[in-house]
Protein backbone atom coordinates (compact mmCIF):
# COMPACT_ATOMS: atom_id res chain seq x y z
CA MET A 1 -52.71 -19.94 29.30
CA TYR A 2 -56.23 -20.41 30.08
CA LEU A 3 -56.78 -22.67 33.18
CA SER A 4 -60.37 -23.46 35.31
CA ARG A 5 -60.08 -23.02 38.53
CA ASP A 6 -59.76 -26.45 39.80
CA GLU A 7 -56.31 -26.10 37.44
CA GLU A 8 -55.88 -23.14 39.04
CA ALA A 9 -55.23 -24.41 42.98
CA VAL A 10 -53.18 -26.84 41.37
CA TYR A 11 -50.40 -25.00 40.51
CA GLN A 12 -50.75 -22.57 43.35
CA GLY A 13 -50.40 -25.55 45.42
CA GLU A 14 -52.93 -26.09 47.57
CA ARG A 15 -53.11 -30.13 46.61
CA GLY A 16 -49.63 -30.39 47.40
CA GLU A 17 -46.27 -29.56 46.44
CA THR A 18 -45.52 -32.03 43.99
CA LEU A 19 -48.46 -31.57 41.99
CA ALA A 20 -48.17 -27.47 42.72
CA ARG A 21 -44.05 -28.98 40.34
CA MET A 22 -45.94 -30.37 37.78
CA MET A 23 -48.53 -28.25 36.57
CA GLN A 24 -45.86 -25.59 36.76
CA ILE A 25 -43.82 -28.07 34.28
CA LEU A 26 -47.43 -28.58 32.18
CA VAL A 27 -47.89 -25.16 31.69
CA ALA A 28 -44.67 -23.44 31.62
CA LEU A 29 -44.38 -26.17 28.61
CA GLY A 30 -47.59 -24.93 26.90
CA ASP A 31 -46.86 -21.01 27.22
CA ILE A 32 -43.65 -22.03 24.73
CA TYR A 33 -45.89 -23.68 22.40
CA GLY A 34 -48.46 -21.26 22.61
CA ALA A 35 -51.49 -23.85 24.30
CA GLU A 36 -54.32 -22.24 24.79
CA ARG A 37 -55.39 -24.41 27.86
CA LEU A 38 -54.76 -28.23 29.21
CA VAL A 39 -56.09 -31.20 27.77
CA THR A 40 -57.44 -34.74 29.59
CA VAL A 41 -55.04 -37.13 28.89
CA LYS A 42 -56.21 -41.24 28.94
CA SER A 43 -52.78 -42.60 29.07
CA VAL A 44 -49.10 -41.63 29.88
CA GLN A 45 -45.94 -43.61 28.96
CA ILE A 46 -42.56 -42.51 30.93
CA ALA A 47 -39.14 -42.64 29.77
CA GLY A 48 -35.99 -41.41 31.64
CA VAL A 49 -36.25 -45.07 33.62
CA SER A 50 -32.95 -46.21 32.78
CA TYR A 51 -30.47 -45.41 35.46
CA LYS A 52 -27.72 -45.03 32.87
CA ASN A 53 -29.23 -42.54 31.32
CA ILE A 54 -30.70 -40.79 34.60
CA GLY A 55 -28.07 -41.02 36.61
CA PRO A 56 -28.03 -39.92 40.08
CA ALA A 57 -30.07 -36.93 39.77
CA GLY A 58 -32.50 -38.35 38.53
CA LEU A 59 -33.15 -41.18 41.40
CA GLU A 60 -33.19 -38.60 43.81
CA TRP A 61 -36.02 -36.23 42.20
CA ILE A 62 -38.34 -39.05 41.14
CA SER A 63 -37.98 -40.26 44.90
CA ARG A 64 -39.01 -36.42 46.44
CA LEU A 65 -41.91 -36.81 44.28
CA GLN A 66 -45.25 -37.18 46.08
CA GLY A 67 -48.50 -38.59 45.17
CA ARG A 68 -50.36 -41.11 43.16
CA VAL A 69 -50.46 -40.78 39.27
CA ALA A 70 -54.47 -39.97 37.46
CA VAL A 71 -54.64 -42.25 34.80
CA PRO A 72 -52.66 -44.66 33.92
CA SER A 73 -49.04 -44.59 33.38
CA ILE A 74 -46.26 -47.17 32.41
CA LEU A 75 -42.25 -46.77 32.45
CA ASN A 76 -40.24 -47.62 29.31
CA PRO A 77 -37.57 -50.15 28.91
CA ALA A 78 -34.41 -49.64 31.70
CA GLY A 79 -31.18 -50.56 32.03
CA MET A 80 -31.24 -54.26 32.53
CA ASP A 81 -33.99 -57.07 32.83
CA LEU A 82 -34.75 -56.66 36.25
CA VAL A 83 -34.87 -60.58 37.49
CA ARG A 84 -32.11 -61.61 35.03
CA TRP A 85 -29.61 -58.49 35.40
CA ARG A 86 -27.23 -60.82 36.52
CA GLU A 87 -26.94 -62.93 32.80
CA MET A 88 -27.02 -59.34 31.12
CA GLY A 89 -23.31 -59.21 32.81
CA ILE A 90 -24.61 -55.89 35.23
CA ASP A 91 -22.82 -55.36 38.45
CA GLU A 92 -24.42 -54.79 41.91
CA ALA A 93 -24.33 -51.73 41.98
CA PHE A 94 -25.51 -50.56 39.39
CA ALA A 95 -29.15 -53.01 39.66
CA GLU A 96 -29.07 -51.80 43.00
CA ARG A 97 -29.48 -48.19 41.79
CA GLN A 98 -31.87 -49.82 39.02
CA ARG A 99 -34.61 -50.90 41.61
CA ALA A 100 -34.28 -47.54 43.40
CA VAL A 101 -35.75 -46.49 39.76
CA VAL A 102 -38.34 -48.08 39.00
CA GLN A 103 -39.14 -49.11 42.65
CA ALA A 104 -39.30 -44.87 43.33
CA TYR A 105 -41.83 -44.37 40.37
CA GLU A 106 -44.26 -47.46 41.29
CA ARG A 107 -44.52 -45.93 44.45
CA LEU A 108 -46.36 -43.43 43.33
CA GLY A 109 -48.29 -46.09 41.37
CA VAL A 110 -46.50 -46.30 37.74
CA CYS A 111 -47.33 -49.72 36.25
CA ILE A 112 -44.09 -51.34 36.35
CA ASP A 113 -44.45 -53.13 32.75
CA CYS A 114 -40.83 -51.62 31.62
CA THR A 115 -41.33 -51.68 27.79
CA CYS A 116 -41.42 -49.36 24.61
CA THR A 117 -44.25 -50.66 23.77
CA PRO A 118 -47.17 -50.97 25.86
CA TYR A 119 -49.88 -50.87 22.90
CA GLN A 120 -48.59 -54.71 22.55
CA ILE A 121 -49.98 -55.83 25.89
CA TYR A 122 -52.46 -53.06 27.40
CA ASP A 123 -55.78 -52.52 24.76
CA SER A 124 -57.41 -50.41 26.45
CA LEU A 125 -54.26 -47.84 26.74
CA ALA A 126 -54.47 -46.04 23.72
CA GLY A 127 -57.70 -46.08 20.53
CA ARG A 128 -58.30 -43.20 17.47
CA GLY A 129 -58.46 -39.82 18.91
CA ASP A 130 -57.33 -40.82 22.19
CA HIS A 131 -55.45 -37.77 23.99
CA LEU A 132 -51.90 -39.29 25.10
CA ALA A 133 -48.50 -38.35 26.71
CA TRP A 134 -45.92 -40.68 25.31
CA SER A 135 -42.58 -40.34 25.90
CA GLU A 136 -40.30 -42.92 24.35
CA SER A 137 -39.71 -42.06 20.11
CA SER A 138 -41.05 -45.24 18.89
CA ALA A 139 -43.81 -45.94 20.97
CA VAL A 140 -45.36 -41.77 20.07
CA SER A 141 -44.73 -42.71 16.95
CA TYR A 142 -46.96 -46.55 16.84
CA ALA A 143 -50.08 -43.96 18.75
CA ASN A 144 -49.92 -41.09 15.94
CA SER A 145 -49.60 -42.93 12.80
CA VAL A 146 -50.92 -46.46 13.59
CA ILE A 147 -53.28 -46.45 16.04
CA GLY A 148 -54.66 -43.12 15.34
CA ALA A 149 -53.73 -41.75 18.65
CA ARG A 150 -52.57 -38.19 20.02
CA SER A 151 -49.71 -37.16 21.29
CA ASN A 152 -46.50 -35.50 21.59
CA ARG A 153 -42.72 -36.39 22.21
CA GLU A 154 -43.00 -35.73 25.92
CA GLY A 155 -39.93 -36.14 28.38
CA GLY A 156 -39.31 -37.72 31.14
CA PRO A 157 -40.45 -35.02 33.32
CA SER A 158 -43.35 -33.64 31.24
CA ALA A 159 -44.26 -37.54 30.95
CA LEU A 160 -44.11 -37.16 34.38
CA ALA A 161 -46.05 -34.10 35.32
CA ALA A 162 -48.65 -35.51 32.73
CA ALA A 163 -49.51 -38.77 34.51
CA LEU A 164 -49.62 -37.36 38.45
CA VAL A 165 -52.34 -34.39 36.30
CA GLY A 166 -54.00 -36.55 34.41
CA LYS A 167 -53.22 -33.64 31.56
CA THR A 168 -51.06 -32.56 29.63
CA ALA A 169 -50.26 -28.97 27.08
CA LEU A 170 -52.89 -28.70 24.44
CA TYR A 171 -50.34 -27.34 21.54
CA GLY A 172 -48.24 -29.57 18.41
CA TYR A 173 -49.63 -32.88 17.44
CA HIS A 174 -52.80 -33.05 19.51
CA LEU A 175 -54.01 -30.63 17.29
CA ASP A 176 -55.37 -31.09 13.25
CA GLU A 177 -53.47 -28.23 11.40
CA ASN A 178 -49.95 -30.22 12.97
CA ARG A 179 -50.80 -33.61 11.74
CA MET A 180 -50.66 -32.51 7.72
CA PRO A 181 -48.33 -33.99 5.80
CA THR A 182 -45.10 -32.20 5.11
CA HIS A 183 -43.47 -34.87 2.20
CA LEU A 184 -45.02 -37.58 0.30
CA ILE A 185 -42.97 -40.17 -0.13
CA ASP A 186 -43.10 -42.53 -3.49
CA VAL A 187 -41.10 -46.40 -2.30
CA GLN A 188 -40.93 -47.68 -6.14
CA ALA A 189 -39.78 -50.84 -4.90
CA ASP A 190 -41.63 -53.86 -3.27
CA LEU A 191 -40.59 -54.42 0.73
CA MET A 192 -40.33 -56.79 3.45
CA GLY A 193 -39.29 -57.28 7.09
CA SER A 194 -35.88 -55.18 7.79
CA ASP A 195 -36.33 -53.22 4.55
CA PHE A 196 -39.27 -50.43 6.27
CA GLY A 197 -36.67 -50.64 9.38
CA ALA A 198 -34.54 -49.22 6.48
CA LEU A 199 -36.98 -47.14 4.84
CA GLY A 200 -37.09 -45.60 8.00
CA PHE A 201 -33.44 -44.95 8.76
CA LEU A 202 -33.19 -43.35 5.10
CA ALA A 203 -36.82 -41.41 5.54
CA GLY A 204 -36.03 -39.51 8.74
CA GLY A 205 -32.91 -38.59 8.10
CA MET A 206 -34.49 -36.43 4.77
CA VAL A 207 -37.77 -34.94 6.67
CA LYS A 208 -36.08 -34.42 10.32
CA ASP A 209 -39.80 -33.40 12.15
CA GLY A 210 -41.38 -33.46 9.51
CA VAL A 211 -44.69 -35.68 8.62
CA PRO A 212 -44.75 -38.06 5.97
CA PHE A 213 -47.24 -39.04 3.72
CA PHE A 214 -45.62 -43.11 2.13
CA ARG A 215 -46.66 -44.69 -0.90
CA LEU A 216 -45.53 -48.17 -0.95
CA ARG A 217 -46.23 -51.14 -3.17
CA SER A 218 -46.14 -53.47 -0.83
CA ALA A 219 -48.49 -53.52 2.31
CA PRO A 220 -46.81 -53.04 5.95
CA GLY A 221 -48.06 -55.19 8.61
CA ARG A 222 -48.04 -53.90 12.00
CA ASP A 223 -44.52 -54.73 13.43
CA ASP A 224 -43.68 -53.31 9.67
CA LEU A 225 -45.65 -50.47 10.67
CA LYS A 226 -43.64 -50.60 13.77
CA ALA A 227 -40.07 -50.36 12.89
CA LEU A 228 -40.81 -48.05 10.43
CA GLY A 229 -42.19 -45.43 12.18
CA ALA A 230 -39.49 -46.32 15.14
CA ALA A 231 -36.25 -45.76 12.84
CA MET A 232 -37.81 -42.04 11.04
CA ALA A 233 -38.25 -41.48 14.89
CA ALA A 234 -34.43 -42.82 15.91
CA SER A 235 -32.52 -41.34 12.89
CA GLY A 236 -34.65 -38.09 12.30
CA SER A 237 -37.01 -37.01 14.71
CA VAL A 238 -40.73 -38.25 13.07
CA ALA A 239 -43.54 -38.18 15.28
CA LEU A 240 -46.24 -38.87 13.40
CA TYR A 241 -46.33 -40.46 9.14
CA TYR A 242 -49.17 -42.09 6.87
CA VAL A 243 -48.51 -44.12 4.69
CA GLN A 244 -51.30 -44.63 1.79
CA ASP A 245 -54.51 -47.57 3.00
CA ALA A 246 -52.78 -48.86 5.79
CA THR A 247 -52.42 -46.14 8.74
CA ALA A 248 -55.58 -43.49 9.55
CA ALA A 249 -55.58 -41.05 6.53
CA PRO A 250 -54.44 -37.59 7.36
CA PRO A 251 -57.49 -34.61 8.57
CA GLY A 252 -58.20 -32.54 5.24
CA SER A 253 -56.76 -36.16 3.97
CA ASN A 254 -59.47 -35.15 -0.06
CA ASN A 255 -57.10 -31.53 -0.29
CA LEU A 256 -53.11 -32.34 -0.16
CA HIS A 257 -50.25 -30.67 -1.03
CA PRO A 258 -47.21 -31.99 0.86
CA GLN A 259 -44.64 -29.53 0.73
CA GLU A 260 -42.01 -32.28 -0.81
CA LYS A 261 -41.66 -35.17 -2.69
CA ILE A 262 -39.11 -38.14 -2.92
CA THR A 263 -38.94 -40.51 -4.47
CA LEU A 264 -37.18 -44.21 -2.81
CA GLY A 265 -35.99 -46.97 -5.17
CA ARG A 266 -34.18 -50.16 -4.78
CA ALA A 267 -31.22 -49.36 -5.12
CA GLU A 268 -31.00 -46.80 -2.18
CA ILE A 269 -32.15 -49.33 0.11
CA ASP A 270 -29.36 -51.91 -0.57
CA GLN A 271 -27.29 -49.31 0.56
CA VAL A 272 -28.46 -49.37 4.22
CA TYR A 273 -27.42 -52.32 4.42
CA GLU A 274 -24.30 -52.00 2.25
CA GLN A 275 -23.07 -49.37 4.45
CA HIS A 276 -24.00 -51.26 7.68
CA PRO A 277 -22.24 -54.58 7.32
CA ALA A 278 -22.14 -57.74 8.86
CA GLU A 279 -18.05 -57.86 9.25
CA GLY A 280 -16.79 -58.11 12.68
CA CYS A 281 -19.97 -58.22 14.61
CA ASP A 282 -19.99 -59.91 18.24
CA ALA A 283 -23.24 -60.13 19.62
CA VAL A 284 -26.64 -60.07 17.48
CA ALA A 285 -29.61 -58.42 19.15
CA ILE A 286 -33.30 -58.20 18.33
CA GLY A 287 -36.05 -56.45 19.80
CA CYS A 288 -35.60 -52.79 19.74
CA PRO A 289 -39.16 -52.12 19.87
CA HIS A 290 -39.96 -54.93 21.49
CA CYS A 291 -40.72 -58.50 19.87
CA SER A 292 -44.33 -59.47 19.54
CA GLY A 293 -46.05 -62.70 20.13
CA GLU A 294 -45.40 -62.72 16.24
CA GLU A 295 -42.02 -62.31 15.91
CA LEU A 296 -41.35 -64.14 18.61
CA GLU A 297 -42.27 -67.31 16.60
CA ARG A 298 -40.03 -66.25 14.19
CA VAL A 299 -36.75 -66.44 15.84
CA ALA A 300 -37.57 -69.61 17.33
CA ARG A 301 -38.68 -70.90 13.63
CA LEU A 302 -35.24 -69.53 11.98
CA ILE A 303 -33.00 -71.09 14.99
CA GLY A 304 -34.71 -74.67 15.17
CA GLY A 305 -32.24 -76.31 16.95
CA ARG A 306 -29.64 -74.74 16.41
CA LYS A 307 -26.99 -73.38 18.19
CA VAL A 308 -25.66 -70.05 19.41
CA LYS A 309 -21.90 -69.85 18.13
CA ALA A 310 -19.28 -69.95 21.70
CA LYS A 311 -17.97 -66.68 20.98
CA MET A 312 -21.24 -65.06 20.00
CA LYS A 313 -24.10 -63.87 22.12
CA LEU A 314 -27.97 -63.65 20.89
CA TRP A 315 -30.36 -61.20 22.44
CA ILE A 316 -33.42 -61.19 21.53
CA CYS A 317 -35.44 -57.86 23.90
CA THR A 318 -39.31 -57.97 24.77
CA ALA A 319 -41.46 -56.77 27.66
CA ARG A 320 -42.40 -59.35 30.51
CA LYS A 321 -45.41 -60.47 29.23
CA VAL A 322 -45.25 -61.10 25.70
CA ALA A 323 -42.32 -63.41 27.46
CA ASP A 324 -45.12 -64.35 29.87
CA ALA A 325 -47.63 -65.24 27.83
CA HIS A 326 -45.53 -67.50 24.70
CA PRO A 327 -43.58 -69.81 27.76
CA ALA A 328 -42.76 -72.48 24.95
CA LEU A 329 -40.93 -69.67 21.99
CA VAL A 330 -39.41 -68.34 24.81
CA ALA A 331 -37.99 -71.59 26.02
CA ALA A 332 -37.33 -72.45 22.62
CA ILE A 333 -34.90 -69.96 21.73
CA GLU A 334 -33.24 -70.24 24.85
CA GLU A 335 -32.69 -73.83 23.70
CA SER A 336 -29.97 -72.52 21.55
CA GLY A 337 -28.04 -70.48 24.16
CA ALA A 338 -29.66 -67.04 23.38
CA ARG A 339 -31.11 -65.40 25.46
CA VAL A 340 -34.84 -63.56 25.71
CA PHE A 341 -34.67 -60.29 28.02
CA CYS A 342 -37.27 -58.61 28.90
CA ASP A 343 -37.30 -54.81 30.46
CA THR A 344 -34.52 -53.78 28.62
CA CYS A 345 -33.65 -53.09 24.96
CA MET A 346 -29.53 -52.71 23.93
CA VAL A 347 -29.85 -49.47 23.14
CA VAL A 348 -30.17 -48.10 26.94
CA SER A 349 -28.83 -50.98 28.97
CA PRO A 350 -24.93 -50.44 29.86
CA ALA A 351 -24.85 -54.69 29.09
CA THR A 352 -24.63 -53.65 25.40
CA GLU A 353 -21.04 -51.35 26.43
CA ARG A 354 -18.60 -54.43 25.81
CA PHE A 355 -19.52 -55.51 22.47
CA SER A 356 -17.22 -53.91 19.67
CA LYS A 357 -20.28 -54.20 16.91
CA MET A 358 -23.72 -55.58 17.60
CA LEU A 359 -25.84 -57.08 14.43
CA THR A 360 -29.33 -56.25 14.13
CA CYS A 361 -32.55 -55.81 12.31
CA SER A 362 -33.68 -52.47 13.76
CA GLY A 363 -33.45 -49.60 11.84
CA LYS A 364 -33.82 -48.06 15.50
CA ALA A 365 -30.80 -50.04 17.10
CA LEU A 366 -28.89 -49.39 13.46
CA ALA A 367 -29.22 -45.26 14.60
CA TYR A 368 -29.10 -45.58 18.34
CA LEU A 369 -26.44 -47.70 18.87
CA PRO A 370 -23.65 -45.52 17.82
CA GLY A 371 -24.88 -42.73 19.96
CA LEU A 372 -26.02 -43.85 22.79
CA ALA A 373 -23.90 -46.94 23.76
CA GLY A 374 -21.17 -46.11 21.71
CA VAL A 375 -20.69 -49.45 19.99
CA LYS A 376 -20.81 -49.82 15.76
CA ALA A 377 -24.29 -51.64 13.89
CA GLY A 378 -24.68 -53.56 11.61
CA TYR A 379 -27.54 -54.23 9.49
CA CYS A 380 -29.36 -57.05 7.68
CA SER A 381 -32.12 -59.11 7.92
CA LEU A 382 -33.58 -60.89 11.05
CA GLU A 383 -33.44 -63.92 9.11
CA ASP A 384 -28.99 -63.00 8.56
CA CYS A 385 -28.97 -61.52 11.68
CA ILE A 386 -30.12 -65.23 13.24
CA GLU A 387 -27.39 -66.85 10.93
CA ALA A 388 -24.66 -65.30 11.51
CA ALA A 389 -25.20 -66.57 15.46
CA LEU A 390 -26.30 -69.69 14.71
CA VAL A 391 -23.56 -72.76 14.12
CA GLU A 392 -25.07 -74.37 10.79
CA GLU A 393 -25.10 -77.92 11.77
CA ARG A 394 -28.88 -78.26 13.23
CA GLN A 395 -29.09 -80.72 16.10
């Protein structure tokens, strides 16, 4: 793998131990995947933030690093709302350690807006054709597919290495030849809302780490594309997908030859709902990935002045900057007894573990809740999620 003189100097430790270790991580990955060189990245999104996932060893490793990030870098969700963690049922010991994790990243110059949807709050982080080093699965999918940027799905250490060095190894989805569709998925059904998450839940399990190209009857909005990609990244390992007439076209799109064709209809979509019924849920969780302002507006409208059932929890997760930009919507939602939590989500927070079953309209959460949180999951539309959480009478 070719290194410039400056890169070689960093690798040899001439700019300190931390940068040397970070460069060695990047070079090792480049050697494994056959990269010819490094490439400068526009931004970095770093996973490995929730103390639940990284534990004491991860906190110690991050805390010992020195230096400042070389490019704009932002954190993934933490294990709690950094302000309202007590309302989530988080204990003081966990909160103290989680704050220490965030502070360790902050000392390195990382932006501590803890979100899986950085593109919803900072347009400057990614544009078409930009090289990135993002690590959260749904964020990588959105960046590659909807924005048209180029990123592999980085691990927490490699993303942090890229942040401090300002570069990543040039392999994988940074190269045109790896961005070609492997599967053609023809969807013969009209889709709306949570159907896109259900489709992603199905498709991810089918294509694994492939690159699907969708033909849809229904034109998806940005939140629909977000949900579709997030579900595929969770149920499979999809980091890039295409939707005809809705996302950027693949390289050489006039000559596409996917390896496999899959046809899905209404029956297959409906099976996702049928196999994950709402019965038995003691909590409803919305916002995986984090809610946009438009989604907060829909939630507030659906609540319509009603109240959450006495023995039910209704959580809505979003980025803090999104919540701060829509105070009236947050107030209307919370008037019901629901809670709008920031900086975290139901998948990475230990607060979720006390529930027996959560109801969600997120295909990503449907895939991750049982495995990462150990909580059963039901699946239904946003409308039905809200109905399940609220008493019938409007106030």
